Amino acid sequence: MRTFIAINFNETVKDQIVQVQDALRNSSLKGNFTHRENIHLTLIFLGEISENKIDTIRNIISSIEFKPFEIIFTHTGNFEQDAGKLFWLGTEPCDELLHIQKKLASMLSEAGFSIESRKFAPHLTLSRKTIIKSIFKEQDLNIKSTVEKISLMKSERINNKLTYTEI
């Protein structure tokens, strides 16, 4: 089972993110845009794990105590990929978010999970393999979301559509 740990968003926040996506889509010839229902911010990518590891992961997640806090998406950015650009939405620095991610990574690593060693850069993916037809001006934003929960997610193809489901 392909899994990751993420922050999901309410419908109001998704509405604001989709507005940014729509502006990008209108400036694009083509792209693989994240489906509205799949919009999330990944904290830890776990990859393929066996089902018997789910309880261990859940226990680690539930042991992370935190008070609700706010993250603010402030800007867009992109980088080159093989077949176009990947566009993302980035957050302003947030100590609480970084602390939670670091603690999760440490605890999961101690439990034997393979965790990426690259520096955590909080963002969500707007689109992949995007070819721009006109200038897409990187935007300054102020999309606020309160984080109250972190979720274990699975990634699978259902009827040939990438689907993320909370476990």
C-alpha atoms as a PDB file:
ATOM      1  CA  MET A   1       0.000   0.000   0.000  1.00  0.00           C
ATOM      2  CA  ARG A   2       1.421   3.409  -1.045  1.00  0.00           C
ATOM      3  CA  THR A   3       1.161   5.859   1.862  1.00  0.00           C
ATOM      4  CA  PHE A   4       2.020   9.308   3.136  1.00  0.00           C
ATOM      5  CA  ILE A   5       1.247  11.550   6.112  1.00  0.00           C
ATOM      6  CA  ALA A   6      -0.459  14.817   5.264  1.00  0.00           C
ATOM      7  CA  ILE A   7      -2.468  17.835   6.245  1.00  0.00           C
ATOM      8  CA  ASN A   8      -5.826  18.009   4.499  1.00  0.00           C
ATOM      9  CA  PHE A   9      -7.861  21.170   3.997  1.00  0.00           C
ATOM     10  CA  ASN A  10     -11.468  22.235   4.395  1.00  0.00           C
ATOM     11  CA  GLU A  11     -13.618  23.203   1.420  1.00  0.00           C
ATOM     12  CA  THR A  12     -13.141  26.964   1.895  1.00  0.00           C
ATOM     13  CA  VAL A  13      -9.359  26.629   1.721  1.00  0.00           C
ATOM     14  CA  LYS A  14      -9.658  24.281  -1.271  1.00  0.00           C
ATOM     15  CA  ASP A  15     -11.838  26.904  -3.025  1.00  0.00           C
ATOM     16  CA  GLN A  16      -9.027  29.442  -2.672  1.00  0.00           C
ATOM     17  CA  ILE A  17      -6.381  26.972  -3.847  1.00  0.00           C
ATOM     18  CA  VAL A  18      -8.503  26.013  -6.859  1.00  0.00           C
ATOM     19  CA  GLN A  19      -8.727  29.707  -7.818  1.00  0.00           C
ATOM     20  CA  VAL A  20      -4.930  29.774  -8.030  1.00  0.00           C
ATOM     21  CA  GLN A  21      -5.017  26.527 -10.026  1.00  0.00           C
ATOM     22  CA  ASP A  22      -7.596  27.981 -12.417  1.00  0.00           C
ATOM     23  CA  ALA A  23      -5.358  30.989 -13.108  1.00  0.00           C
ATOM     24  CA  LEU A  24      -2.497  28.581 -13.805  1.00  0.00           C
ATOM     25  CA  ARG A  25      -4.714  26.357 -15.965  1.00  0.00           C
ATOM     26  CA  ASN A  26      -5.788  29.403 -18.012  1.00  0.00           C
ATOM     27  CA  SER A  27      -2.115  30.197 -18.674  1.00  0.00           C
ATOM     28  CA  SER A  28      -1.272  26.615 -19.671  1.00  0.00           C
ATOM     29  CA  LEU A  29      -1.339  24.586 -22.852  1.00  0.00           C
ATOM     30  CA  LYS A  30      -1.496  21.415 -20.804  1.00  0.00           C
ATOM     31  CA  GLY A  31      -0.747  20.048 -17.370  1.00  0.00           C
ATOM     32  CA  ASN A  32      -1.615  17.356 -14.885  1.00  0.00           C
ATOM     33  CA  PHE A  33      -3.506  19.404 -12.281  1.00  0.00           C
ATOM     34  CA  THR A  34      -4.049  18.051  -8.771  1.00  0.00           C
ATOM     35  CA  HIS A  35      -7.686  17.030  -8.361  1.00  0.00           C
ATOM     36  CA  ARG A  36      -9.541  19.167  -5.837  1.00  0.00           C
ATOM     37  CA  GLU A  37     -10.240  16.173  -3.593  1.00  0.00           C
ATOM     38  CA  ASN A  38      -6.515  15.285  -3.554  1.00  0.00           C
ATOM     39  CA  ILE A  39      -5.244  18.709  -2.441  1.00  0.00           C
ATOM     40  CA  HIS A  40      -3.024  18.254   0.620  1.00  0.00           C
ATOM     41  CA  LEU A  41       0.333  19.161   2.128  1.00  0.00           C
ATOM     42  CA  THR A  42       2.621  16.145   2.533  1.00  0.00           C
ATOM     43  CA  LEU A  43       4.547  15.946   5.794  1.00  0.00           C
ATOM     44  CA  ILE A  44       6.170  12.545   5.256  1.00  0.00           C
ATOM     45  CA  PHE A  45       6.153  10.289   2.198  1.00  0.00           C
ATOM     46  CA  LEU A  46       6.308   6.660   3.306  1.00  0.00           C
ATOM     47  CA  GLY A  47       5.913   4.909  -0.043  1.00  0.00           C
ATOM     48  CA  GLU A  48       4.983   1.246  -0.208  1.00  0.00           C
ATOM     49  CA  ILE A  49       4.305  -0.272   3.207  1.00  0.00           C
ATOM     50  CA  SER A  50       2.624  -3.469   4.330  1.00  0.00           C
ATOM     51  CA  GLU A  51      -0.763  -3.263   6.005  1.00  0.00           C
ATOM     52  CA  ASN A  52       0.633  -4.678   9.253  1.00  0.00           C
ATOM     53  CA  LYS A  53       2.601  -1.405   9.716  1.00  0.00           C
ATOM     54  CA  ILE A  54      -0.530   0.792   9.764  1.00  0.00           C
ATOM     55  CA  ASP A  55      -1.098   0.527  13.530  1.00  0.00           C
ATOM     56  CA  THR A  56       2.506   1.520  14.237  1.00  0.00           C
ATOM     57  CA  ILE A  57       2.145   4.607  12.040  1.00  0.00           C
ATOM     58  CA  ARG A  58      -1.215   5.513  13.590  1.00  0.00           C
ATOM     59  CA  ASN A  59       0.273   5.220  17.088  1.00  0.00           C
ATOM     60  CA  ILE A  60       3.137   7.521  16.135  1.00  0.00           C
ATOM     61  CA  ILE A  61       0.770  10.083  14.614  1.00  0.00           C
ATOM     62  CA  SER A  62      -1.530  10.025  17.633  1.00  0.00           C
ATOM     63  CA  SER A  63       1.438  10.518  19.984  1.00  0.00           C
ATOM     64  CA  ILE A  64       2.231  13.881  18.352  1.00  0.00           C
ATOM     65  CA  GLU A  65       0.422  16.399  20.524  1.00  0.00           C
ATOM     66  CA  PHE A  66      -0.105  19.940  19.314  1.00  0.00           C
ATOM     67  CA  LYS A  67      -2.519  22.808  19.667  1.00  0.00           C
ATOM     68  CA  PRO A  68      -4.268  23.973  16.499  1.00  0.00           C
ATOM     69  CA  PHE A  69      -2.097  26.401  14.563  1.00  0.00           C
ATOM     70  CA  GLU A  70      -2.315  28.388  11.364  1.00  0.00           C
ATOM     71  CA  ILE A  71      -0.372  27.946   8.164  1.00  0.00           C
ATOM     72  CA  ILE A  72      -0.459  30.586   5.473  1.00  0.00           C
ATOM     73  CA  PHE A  73       0.148  29.884   1.798  1.00  0.00           C
ATOM     74  CA  THR A  74       1.904  32.998   0.571  1.00  0.00           C
ATOM     75  CA  HIS A  75       3.395  32.279  -2.856  1.00  0.00           C
ATOM     76  CA  THR A  76       3.562  30.083  -5.918  1.00  0.00           C
ATOM     77  CA  GLY A  77       6.663  28.672  -7.511  1.00  0.00           C
ATOM     78  CA  ASN A  78       7.803  26.069 -10.010  1.00  0.00           C
ATOM     79  CA  PHE A  79      10.681  23.925 -11.136  1.00  0.00           C
ATOM     80  CA  GLU A  80      11.500  22.053 -14.318  1.00  0.00           C
ATOM     81  CA  GLN A  81      10.468  18.435 -14.783  1.00  0.00           C
ATOM     82  CA  ASP A  82      11.063  16.034 -17.649  1.00  0.00           C
ATOM     83  CA  ALA A  83       7.833  16.935 -19.457  1.00  0.00           C
ATOM     84  CA  GLY A  84       7.202  20.485 -18.284  1.00  0.00           C
ATOM     85  CA  LYS A  85       7.079  22.314 -14.979  1.00  0.00           C
ATOM     86  CA  LEU A  86       5.807  21.366 -11.555  1.00  0.00           C
ATOM     87  CA  PHE A  87       3.929  24.284  -9.967  1.00  0.00           C
ATOM     88  CA  TRP A  88       3.516  24.484  -6.208  1.00  0.00           C
ATOM     89  CA  LEU A  89       2.010  26.653  -3.494  1.00  0.00           C
ATOM     90  CA  GLY A  90       4.370  27.488  -0.621  1.00  0.00           C
ATOM     91  CA  THR A  91       3.828  28.516   2.980  1.00  0.00           C
ATOM     92  CA  GLU A  92       5.383  31.228   5.053  1.00  0.00           C
ATOM     93  CA  PRO A  93       7.771  29.861   7.700  1.00  0.00           C
ATOM     94  CA  CYS A  94       5.895  28.044  10.470  1.00  0.00           C
ATOM     95  CA  ASP A  95       7.801  26.673  13.480  1.00  0.00           C
ATOM     96  CA  GLU A  96       4.909  24.443  14.609  1.00  0.00           C
ATOM     97  CA  LEU A  97       4.678  22.779  11.204  1.00  0.00           C
ATOM     98  CA  LEU A  98       8.426  22.193  11.030  1.00  0.00           C
ATOM     99  CA  HIS A  99       8.466  20.807  14.577  1.00  0.00           C
ATOM    100  CA  ILE A 100       5.668  18.314  13.830  1.00  0.00           C
ATOM    101  CA  GLN A 101       7.289  17.157  10.605  1.00  0.00           C
ATOM    102  CA  LYS A 102      10.687  16.746  12.256  1.00  0.00           C
ATOM    103  CA  LYS A 103       9.208  14.815  15.184  1.00  0.00           C
ATOM    104  CA  LEU A 104       7.245  12.522  12.852  1.00  0.00           C
ATOM    105  CA  ALA A 105      10.345  11.862  10.749  1.00  0.00           C
ATOM    106  CA  SER A 106      12.428  11.072  13.813  1.00  0.00           C
ATOM    107  CA  MET A 107       9.863   8.737  15.381  1.00  0.00           C
ATOM    108  CA  LEU A 108       9.139   6.926  12.114  1.00  0.00           C
ATOM    109  CA  SER A 109      12.854   6.506  11.451  1.00  0.00           C
ATOM    110  CA  GLU A 110      13.356   5.082  14.954  1.00  0.00           C
ATOM    111  CA  ALA A 111      10.503   2.646  14.210  1.00  0.00           C
ATOM    112  CA  GLY A 112      12.369   1.389  11.138  1.00  0.00           C
ATOM    113  CA  PHE A 113      10.697   3.346   8.337  1.00  0.00           C
ATOM    114  CA  SER A 114      12.797   4.757   5.517  1.00  0.00           C
ATOM    115  CA  ILE A 115      12.400   8.543   5.567  1.00  0.00           C
ATOM    116  CA  GLU A 116      13.694  10.964   2.917  1.00  0.00           C
ATOM    117  CA  SER A 117      16.702  12.891   4.191  1.00  0.00           C
ATOM    118  CA  ARG A 118      16.179  16.048   2.123  1.00  0.00           C
ATOM    119  CA  LYS A 119      15.137  19.210   3.914  1.00  0.00           C
ATOM    120  CA  PHE A 120      11.391  19.598   4.400  1.00  0.00           C
ATOM    121  CA  ALA A 121      10.000  22.488   2.328  1.00  0.00           C
ATOM    122  CA  PRO A 122       6.261  22.861   3.080  1.00  0.00           C
ATOM    123  CA  HIS A 123       4.259  23.133  -0.143  1.00  0.00           C
ATOM    124  CA  LEU A 124       1.390  21.590  -2.017  1.00  0.00           C
ATOM    125  CA  THR A 125       1.487  20.592  -5.664  1.00  0.00           C
ATOM    126  CA  LEU A 126      -0.824  22.498  -8.001  1.00  0.00           C
ATOM    127  CA  SER A 127       0.191  20.756 -11.235  1.00  0.00           C
ATOM    128  CA  ARG A 128       2.793  18.543 -12.855  1.00  0.00           C
ATOM    129  CA  LYS A 129       4.066  18.338 -16.443  1.00  0.00           C
ATOM    130  CA  THR A 130       2.728  21.819 -17.112  1.00  0.00           C
ATOM    131  CA  ILE A 131       3.471  23.640 -20.343  1.00  0.00           C
ATOM    132  CA  ILE A 132       2.804  27.381 -20.125  1.00  0.00           C
ATOM    133  CA  LYS A 133       1.241  29.134 -23.152  1.00  0.00           C
ATOM    134  CA  SER A 134       1.311  32.630 -21.695  1.00  0.00           C
ATOM    135  CA  ILE A 135       3.040  34.220 -18.760  1.00  0.00           C
ATOM    136  CA  PHE A 136       1.866  32.851 -15.442  1.00  0.00           C
ATOM    137  CA  LYS A 137       2.812  35.476 -12.946  1.00  0.00           C
ATOM    138  CA  GLU A 138       3.901  33.913  -9.689  1.00  0.00           C
ATOM    139  CA  GLN A 139       1.430  35.171  -7.170  1.00  0.00           C
ATOM    140  CA  ASP A 140       1.626  36.661  -3.714  1.00  0.00           C
ATOM    141  CA  LEU A 141      -1.141  35.070  -1.688  1.00  0.00           C
ATOM    142  CA  ASN A 142      -2.667  34.963   1.765  1.00  0.00           C
ATOM    143  CA  ILE A 143      -4.512  31.629   2.023  1.00  0.00           C
ATOM    144  CA  LYS A 144      -4.894  30.716   5.695  1.00  0.00           C
ATOM    145  CA  SER A 145      -5.686  27.282   7.074  1.00  0.00           C
ATOM    146  CA  THR A 146      -5.937  26.074  10.655  1.00  0.00           C
ATOM    147  CA  VAL A 147      -4.191  22.750  11.242  1.00  0.00           C
ATOM    148  CA  GLU A 148      -6.017  20.639  13.793  1.00  0.00           C
ATOM    149  CA  LYS A 149      -5.157  17.153  12.574  1.00  0.00           C
ATOM    150  CA  ILE A 150      -2.591  15.173  10.630  1.00  0.00           C
ATOM    151  CA  SER A 151      -3.701  12.201   8.559  1.00  0.00           C
ATOM    152  CA  LEU A 152      -2.319   8.930   7.293  1.00  0.00           C
ATOM    153  CA  MET A 153      -3.240   8.672   3.621  1.00  0.00           C
ATOM    154  CA  LYS A 154      -3.113   5.974   0.981  1.00  0.00           C
ATOM    155  CA  SER A 155      -2.581   6.597  -2.702  1.00  0.00           C
ATOM    156  CA  GLU A 156      -4.152   4.316  -5.296  1.00  0.00           C
ATOM    157  CA  ARG A 157      -5.571   4.315  -8.799  1.00  0.00           C
ATOM    158  CA  ILE A 158      -9.325   3.778  -8.875  1.00  0.00           C
ATOM    159  CA  ASN A 159     -10.849   3.592 -12.366  1.00  0.00           C
ATOM    160  CA  ASN A 160      -7.560   5.002 -13.691  1.00  0.00           C
ATOM    161  CA  LYS A 161      -7.829   8.093 -11.451  1.00  0.00           C
ATOM    162  CA  LEU A 162      -5.257   8.832  -8.742  1.00  0.00           C
ATOM    163  CA  THR A 163      -7.165   8.848  -5.457  1.00  0.00           C
ATOM    164  CA  TYR A 164      -5.958   9.774  -1.974  1.00  0.00           C
ATOM    165  CA  THR A 165      -7.942   8.318   0.924  1.00  0.00           C
ATOM    166  CA  GLU A 166      -7.516   8.891   4.630  1.00  0.00           C
ATOM    167  CA  ILE A 167      -6.810   5.647   6.454  1.00  0.00           C
END
